[in-house]
Amino acid sequence: MKAREERIRHLGGLTLEMYRRSSFRDQLLIEHCREIVDLEDRLRELDSMLDAVANARRAPTTCECGAPVPWGSHFCANCGRPVGAEPVVACENCGHPLSADATFCAHCGRPVETSDEVEAEPGADEQAVDETIMHSADPWER
């Protein structure tokens, strides 16, 4: 609004000076008035855009699972899906989204493999190798 007020003051000063000199230049006054009107139109447009953004922030969206997702959330609190994207954690069998603490898929019933189980498998191989070394015939091979 400050730019608008400055231009209106400038237009008033310009008009007053033209009056004092008795030399009105209509085209110059029209040009300055047009700039002010264009500025007002742009300010109205920006205000309406800001109102639209403010209203969009208040309205919650809905996740694919049906749960409401408040504005600003990156993930659904119900299923863990990123807002507007594929599931973060999904069942390997059916692709249904899973919560982080799920042990079974709610859609197909398949047990969920956790990262602990995946890490335990390589450790089991190492343990078998250690047992083989421990039971070898030559104690110096250890």
Protein backbone atom coordinates (compact mmCIF):
# COMPACT_ATOMS: atom_id res chain seq x y z
CA MET A 1 0.00 0.00 0.00
CA LYS A 2 2.91 2.32 0.57
CA ALA A 3 3.83 2.37 -3.14
CA ARG A 4 0.23 3.21 -4.02
CA GLU A 5 0.08 6.08 -1.53
CA GLU A 6 3.40 7.48 -2.77
CA ARG A 7 2.18 7.46 -6.36
CA ILE A 8 -1.08 9.17 -5.39
CA ARG A 9 0.89 11.87 -3.54
CA HIS A 10 3.17 12.24 -6.54
CA LEU A 11 0.14 12.56 -8.84
CA GLY A 12 -1.36 15.21 -6.57
CA GLY A 13 1.90 17.17 -6.52
CA LEU A 14 2.20 16.87 -10.29
CA THR A 15 -1.37 18.12 -10.76
CA LEU A 16 -0.79 21.03 -8.37
CA GLU A 17 2.41 22.02 -10.18
CA MET A 18 0.64 21.89 -13.55
CA TYR A 19 -2.12 24.11 -12.14
CA ARG A 20 0.42 26.62 -10.85
CA ARG A 21 2.10 26.84 -14.24
CA SER A 22 -1.18 26.76 -16.14
CA SER A 23 0.13 24.03 -18.37
CA PHE A 24 -1.86 20.82 -17.98
CA ARG A 25 -0.53 17.82 -19.82
CA ASP A 26 -3.49 15.48 -19.94
CA GLN A 27 -1.54 12.56 -21.35
CA LEU A 28 0.97 12.65 -18.46
CA LEU A 29 -1.82 12.74 -15.87
CA ILE A 30 -3.62 9.87 -17.60
CA GLU A 31 -0.41 7.83 -17.66
CA HIS A 32 0.14 8.33 -13.91
CA CYS A 33 -3.51 7.51 -13.13
CA ARG A 34 -3.26 4.35 -15.23
CA GLU A 35 -0.17 3.23 -13.25
CA ILE A 36 -2.05 3.69 -9.97
CA VAL A 37 -5.09 1.76 -11.22
CA ASP A 38 -2.81 -1.06 -12.49
CA LEU A 39 -1.09 -1.16 -9.12
CA GLU A 40 -4.45 -1.38 -7.32
CA ASP A 41 -5.52 -4.23 -9.63
CA ARG A 42 -2.30 -6.11 -8.91
CA LEU A 43 -2.75 -5.59 -5.15
CA ARG A 44 -6.29 -7.02 -5.35
CA GLU A 45 -4.97 -10.00 -7.32
CA LEU A 46 -2.26 -10.67 -4.74
CA ASP A 47 -4.77 -10.35 -1.88
CA SER A 48 -7.05 -12.92 -3.51
CA MET A 49 -4.10 -15.29 -4.01
CA LEU A 50 -3.10 -14.91 -0.37
CA ASP A 51 -6.68 -15.59 0.72
CA ALA A 52 -6.76 -18.73 -1.42
CA VAL A 53 -3.54 -20.00 0.16
CA ALA A 54 -4.79 -19.21 3.68
CA ASN A 55 -8.04 -21.10 3.01
CA ALA A 56 -6.17 -24.07 1.52
CA ARG A 57 -4.03 -24.30 4.65
CA ARG A 58 -7.10 -24.60 6.85
CA ALA A 59 -8.79 -27.30 4.79
CA PRO A 60 -7.51 -30.81 5.52
CA THR A 61 -6.95 -33.17 2.64
CA THR A 62 -7.76 -36.87 2.65
CA CYS A 63 -5.24 -39.70 2.27
CA GLU A 64 -5.86 -42.68 -0.01
CA CYS A 65 -6.66 -44.71 3.11
CA GLY A 66 -9.48 -42.26 3.94
CA ALA A 67 -7.88 -40.58 6.94
CA PRO A 68 -7.82 -36.78 7.11
CA VAL A 69 -4.38 -35.26 6.57
CA PRO A 70 -4.00 -31.74 7.99
CA TRP A 71 -2.29 -29.10 5.88
CA GLY A 72 1.48 -29.15 6.26
CA SER A 73 1.68 -32.88 7.03
CA HIS A 74 4.16 -34.85 5.00
CA PHE A 75 2.85 -38.27 6.02
CA CYS A 76 -0.53 -39.78 6.86
CA ALA A 77 -0.83 -40.45 10.59
CA ASN A 78 -3.01 -43.51 9.88
CA CYS A 79 -1.05 -45.47 7.27
CA GLY A 80 2.31 -43.69 7.00
CA ARG A 81 1.97 -42.85 3.31
CA PRO A 82 3.71 -39.71 2.15
CA VAL A 83 1.02 -37.21 1.22
CA GLY A 84 0.35 -37.60 -2.50
CA ALA A 85 2.84 -40.45 -3.07
CA GLU A 86 3.34 -44.19 -2.79
CA PRO A 87 3.46 -45.92 0.62
CA VAL A 88 6.69 -45.63 2.59
CA VAL A 89 6.34 -49.07 4.18
CA ALA A 90 4.31 -51.57 2.20
CA CYS A 91 3.60 -55.28 2.39
CA GLU A 92 5.97 -57.20 0.12
CA ASN A 93 3.13 -59.55 -0.83
CA CYS A 94 0.22 -57.21 -1.69
CA GLY A 95 1.67 -53.67 -1.51
CA HIS A 96 -0.80 -52.54 1.16
CA PRO A 97 0.59 -49.70 3.35
CA LEU A 98 1.81 -50.78 6.77
CA SER A 99 2.29 -48.88 9.98
CA ALA A 100 5.82 -48.79 11.34
CA ASP A 101 5.04 -51.19 14.22
CA ALA A 102 2.97 -53.70 12.19
CA THR A 103 3.88 -57.38 12.54
CA PHE A 104 1.26 -58.63 10.06
CA CYS A 105 -0.30 -57.07 6.98
CA ALA A 106 -3.89 -56.05 7.74
CA HIS A 107 -4.86 -56.72 4.12
CA CYS A 108 -3.39 -60.16 3.32
CA GLY A 109 -2.23 -61.40 6.75
CA ARG A 110 1.36 -62.08 5.73
CA PRO A 111 3.97 -61.58 8.49
CA VAL A 112 6.01 -58.43 8.04
CA GLU A 113 9.77 -58.83 7.84
CA THR A 114 11.41 -56.33 10.16
CA SER A 115 14.89 -54.90 9.70
CA ASP A 116 16.00 -56.94 12.76
CA GLU A 117 15.10 -60.18 11.00
CA VAL A 118 16.88 -59.10 7.82
CA GLU A 119 20.02 -58.21 9.78
CA ALA A 120 19.86 -61.48 11.76
CA GLU A 121 20.14 -63.66 8.66
CA PRO A 122 23.71 -62.61 7.71
CA GLY A 123 24.74 -63.03 11.35
CA ALA A 124 23.50 -66.65 11.26
CA ASP A 125 25.90 -67.41 8.38
CA GLU A 126 28.81 -65.95 10.33
CA GLN A 127 27.89 -68.05 13.37
CA ALA A 128 27.89 -71.23 11.25
CA VAL A 129 31.37 -70.37 9.93
CA ASP A 130 32.60 -69.77 13.50
CA GLU A 131 31.24 -73.17 14.62
CA THR A 132 32.97 -74.91 11.71
CA ILE A 133 36.29 -73.33 12.66
CA MET A 134 35.82 -74.23 16.34
CA HIS A 135 35.14 -77.92 15.52
CA SER A 136 37.99 -78.37 13.06
CA ALA A 137 40.45 -81.16 13.74
CA ASP A 138 43.58 -79.02 13.84
CA PRO A 139 43.54 -76.51 16.76
CA TRP A 140 46.13 -74.35 14.99
CA GLU A 141 43.73 -73.62 12.11
CA ARG A 142 41.65 -71.45 14.40
